[in-house]
Amino acid sequence: MPMIVQRFVDWTVSWLLMYGEAKLLLVIYLWHPSTRGAGHVYDGFLHPLVAWHEADIDRGLLELRARDVTASQLKAVAAIGQVWLVEAARCVPSQLQATRSGREGATH
């Protein structure tokens, strides 16, 4: 979601003069420890927003827990997906080689 917001903002205001420089200054302000920018943003904006929706967040977490979606299950699914990707990556070169061999045989 933050990436979508960033791309939309970039698309809408990138024509402004010194937009890139202003964006860089904002990132430095948020990152640098002496400015405590991230703390100010969290205390002033994010914390009140999260506190306002705390009941909804807790309800959503309880629904997830009720569905028995556990970290171990998610890890198992990720491991299966990783194995599938590795196997798919192994098959692609052999399929490309077979395709090349077939083309070379048809041209000769």
C-alpha atoms as a PDB file:
ATOM      1  CA  MET A   1       0.000   0.000   0.000  1.00  0.00           C
ATOM      2  CA  PRO A   2       2.709   2.569   0.792  1.00  0.00           C
ATOM      3  CA  MET A   3       4.295   1.858  -2.593  1.00  0.00           C
ATOM      4  CA  ILE A   4       0.994   2.619  -4.333  1.00  0.00           C
ATOM      5  CA  VAL A   5       0.679   5.898  -2.453  1.00  0.00           C
ATOM      6  CA  GLN A   6       4.280   6.820  -3.280  1.00  0.00           C
ATOM      7  CA  ARG A   7       3.813   6.117  -6.979  1.00  0.00           C
ATOM      8  CA  PHE A   8       0.578   8.115  -7.082  1.00  0.00           C
ATOM      9  CA  VAL A   9       2.185  11.088  -5.306  1.00  0.00           C
ATOM     10  CA  ASP A  10       5.242  10.854  -7.567  1.00  0.00           C
ATOM     11  CA  TRP A  11       3.009  10.812 -10.636  1.00  0.00           C
ATOM     12  CA  THR A  12       0.868  13.764  -9.505  1.00  0.00           C
ATOM     13  CA  VAL A  13       3.508  16.164  -8.156  1.00  0.00           C
ATOM     14  CA  SER A  14       6.731  15.160  -9.903  1.00  0.00           C
ATOM     15  CA  TRP A  15       6.385  18.153 -12.212  1.00  0.00           C
ATOM     16  CA  LEU A  16       7.005  20.542  -9.280  1.00  0.00           C
ATOM     17  CA  LEU A  17      10.383  22.214  -9.189  1.00  0.00           C
ATOM     18  CA  MET A  18      12.863  20.542  -6.831  1.00  0.00           C
ATOM     19  CA  TYR A  19      10.426  17.718  -6.031  1.00  0.00           C
ATOM     20  CA  GLY A  20      13.245  15.152  -5.966  1.00  0.00           C
ATOM     21  CA  GLU A  21      15.307  17.266  -3.609  1.00  0.00           C
ATOM     22  CA  ALA A  22      12.341  17.822  -1.285  1.00  0.00           C
ATOM     23  CA  LYS A  23      11.650  14.096  -1.231  1.00  0.00           C
ATOM     24  CA  LEU A  24      15.305  13.405  -0.375  1.00  0.00           C
ATOM     25  CA  LEU A  25      15.180  15.941   2.467  1.00  0.00           C
ATOM     26  CA  LEU A  26      12.029  14.275   3.820  1.00  0.00           C
ATOM     27  CA  VAL A  27      13.719  10.861   3.810  1.00  0.00           C
ATOM     28  CA  ILE A  28      16.775  12.286   5.580  1.00  0.00           C
ATOM     29  CA  TYR A  29      14.525  14.018   8.141  1.00  0.00           C
ATOM     30  CA  LEU A  30      12.703  10.756   8.856  1.00  0.00           C
ATOM     31  CA  TRP A  31      15.903   8.679   8.969  1.00  0.00           C
ATOM     32  CA  HIS A  32      18.446  10.802  10.831  1.00  0.00           C
ATOM     33  CA  PRO A  33      18.544  10.220  14.613  1.00  0.00           C
ATOM     34  CA  SER A  34      19.231  13.853  15.524  1.00  0.00           C
ATOM     35  CA  THR A  35      15.983  15.075  13.929  1.00  0.00           C
ATOM     36  CA  ARG A  36      13.801  12.338  15.446  1.00  0.00           C
ATOM     37  CA  GLY A  37      11.561  12.819  12.401  1.00  0.00           C
ATOM     38  CA  ALA A  38      10.146   9.303  12.382  1.00  0.00           C
ATOM     39  CA  GLY A  39       9.262   9.653  16.066  1.00  0.00           C
ATOM     40  CA  HIS A  40       7.462  12.934  15.426  1.00  0.00           C
ATOM     41  CA  VAL A  41       5.493  11.422  12.544  1.00  0.00           C
ATOM     42  CA  TYR A  42       4.578   8.362  14.610  1.00  0.00           C
ATOM     43  CA  ASP A  43       3.597  10.342  17.724  1.00  0.00           C
ATOM     44  CA  GLY A  44       1.693  12.985  15.797  1.00  0.00           C
ATOM     45  CA  PHE A  45      -0.052  10.949  13.100  1.00  0.00           C
ATOM     46  CA  LEU A  46       0.315   7.171  13.215  1.00  0.00           C
ATOM     47  CA  HIS A  47      -0.171   6.516  16.931  1.00  0.00           C
ATOM     48  CA  PRO A  48      -3.509   8.399  17.129  1.00  0.00           C
ATOM     49  CA  LEU A  49      -4.701   6.630  13.975  1.00  0.00           C
ATOM     50  CA  VAL A  50      -3.781   3.187  15.318  1.00  0.00           C
ATOM     51  CA  ALA A  51      -5.303   3.998  18.710  1.00  0.00           C
ATOM     52  CA  TRP A  52      -8.532   5.116  17.015  1.00  0.00           C
ATOM     53  CA  HIS A  53      -8.809   1.788  15.146  1.00  0.00           C
ATOM     54  CA  GLU A  54      -7.405  -0.424  17.906  1.00  0.00           C
ATOM     55  CA  ALA A  55     -10.679  -2.314  18.443  1.00  0.00           C
ATOM     56  CA  ASP A  56     -10.965  -3.124  14.715  1.00  0.00           C
ATOM     57  CA  ILE A  57      -7.340  -4.277  14.585  1.00  0.00           C
ATOM     58  CA  ASP A  58      -7.819  -6.517  17.632  1.00  0.00           C
ATOM     59  CA  ARG A  59     -11.015  -7.963  16.131  1.00  0.00           C
ATOM     60  CA  GLY A  60      -9.189  -8.751  12.880  1.00  0.00           C
ATOM     61  CA  LEU A  61      -6.368 -10.459  14.751  1.00  0.00           C
ATOM     62  CA  LEU A  62      -8.851 -12.572  16.699  1.00  0.00           C
ATOM     63  CA  GLU A  63     -10.527 -13.610  13.436  1.00  0.00           C
ATOM     64  CA  LEU A  64      -7.158 -14.681  12.063  1.00  0.00           C
ATOM     65  CA  ARG A  65      -6.450 -16.663  15.206  1.00  0.00           C
ATOM     66  CA  ALA A  66      -9.875 -18.308  14.937  1.00  0.00           C
ATOM     67  CA  ARG A  67      -9.031 -19.466  11.417  1.00  0.00           C
ATOM     68  CA  ASP A  68      -5.923 -21.216  12.788  1.00  0.00           C
ATOM     69  CA  VAL A  69      -3.579 -19.390  10.474  1.00  0.00           C
ATOM     70  CA  THR A  70      -0.339 -19.965  12.275  1.00  0.00           C
ATOM     71  CA  ALA A  71       3.180 -18.947  11.489  1.00  0.00           C
ATOM     72  CA  SER A  72       4.201 -22.588  11.068  1.00  0.00           C
ATOM     73  CA  GLN A  73       1.481 -23.115   8.463  1.00  0.00           C
ATOM     74  CA  LEU A  74       2.567 -20.012   6.597  1.00  0.00           C
ATOM     75  CA  LYS A  75       6.192 -21.197   6.713  1.00  0.00           C
ATOM     76  CA  ALA A  76       5.146 -24.585   5.332  1.00  0.00           C
ATOM     77  CA  VAL A  77       3.302 -22.941   2.445  1.00  0.00           C
ATOM     78  CA  ALA A  78       6.311 -20.705   1.770  1.00  0.00           C
ATOM     79  CA  ALA A  79       8.624 -23.730   1.753  1.00  0.00           C
ATOM     80  CA  ILE A  80       6.377 -25.548  -0.721  1.00  0.00           C
ATOM     81  CA  GLY A  81       6.292 -22.462  -2.927  1.00  0.00           C
ATOM     82  CA  GLN A  82      10.069 -22.160  -2.764  1.00  0.00           C
ATOM     83  CA  VAL A  83      10.533 -25.806  -3.782  1.00  0.00           C
ATOM     84  CA  TRP A  84       8.117 -25.285  -6.666  1.00  0.00           C
ATOM     85  CA  LEU A  85      10.031 -22.197  -7.843  1.00  0.00           C
ATOM     86  CA  VAL A  86      13.353 -24.041  -7.682  1.00  0.00           C
ATOM     87  CA  GLU A  87      11.925 -26.922  -9.686  1.00  0.00           C
ATOM     88  CA  ALA A  88      10.437 -24.515 -12.229  1.00  0.00           C
ATOM     89  CA  ALA A  89      13.795 -22.754 -12.551  1.00  0.00           C
ATOM     90  CA  ARG A  90      15.502 -26.090 -13.200  1.00  0.00           C
ATOM     91  CA  CYS A  91      12.982 -27.017 -15.906  1.00  0.00           C
ATOM     92  CA  VAL A  92      13.269 -23.771 -17.849  1.00  0.00           C
ATOM     93  CA  PRO A  93      16.889 -24.236 -19.055  1.00  0.00           C
ATOM     94  CA  SER A  94      16.218 -27.822 -20.159  1.00  0.00           C
ATOM     95  CA  GLN A  95      13.094 -26.723 -22.041  1.00  0.00           C
ATOM     96  CA  LEU A  96      15.035 -23.912 -23.705  1.00  0.00           C
ATOM     97  CA  GLN A  97      17.769 -26.366 -24.725  1.00  0.00           C
ATOM     98  CA  ALA A  98      15.174 -28.746 -26.173  1.00  0.00           C
ATOM     99  CA  THR A  99      13.551 -25.903 -28.101  1.00  0.00           C
ATOM    100  CA  ARG A 100      16.921 -24.785 -29.493  1.00  0.00           C
ATOM    101  CA  SER A 101      17.806 -28.350 -30.490  1.00  0.00           C
ATOM    102  CA  GLY A 102      14.490 -28.709 -32.273  1.00  0.00           C
ATOM    103  CA  ARG A 103      15.008 -25.475 -34.204  1.00  0.00           C
ATOM    104  CA  GLU A 104      18.553 -26.380 -35.187  1.00  0.00           C
ATOM    105  CA  GLY A 105      17.447 -29.803 -36.405  1.00  0.00           C
ATOM    106  CA  ALA A 106      14.640 -28.253 -38.493  1.00  0.00           C
ATOM    107  CA  THR A 107      16.971 -25.739 -40.174  1.00  0.00           C
ATOM    108  CA  HIS A 108      19.674 -28.263 -41.110  1.00  0.00           C
END
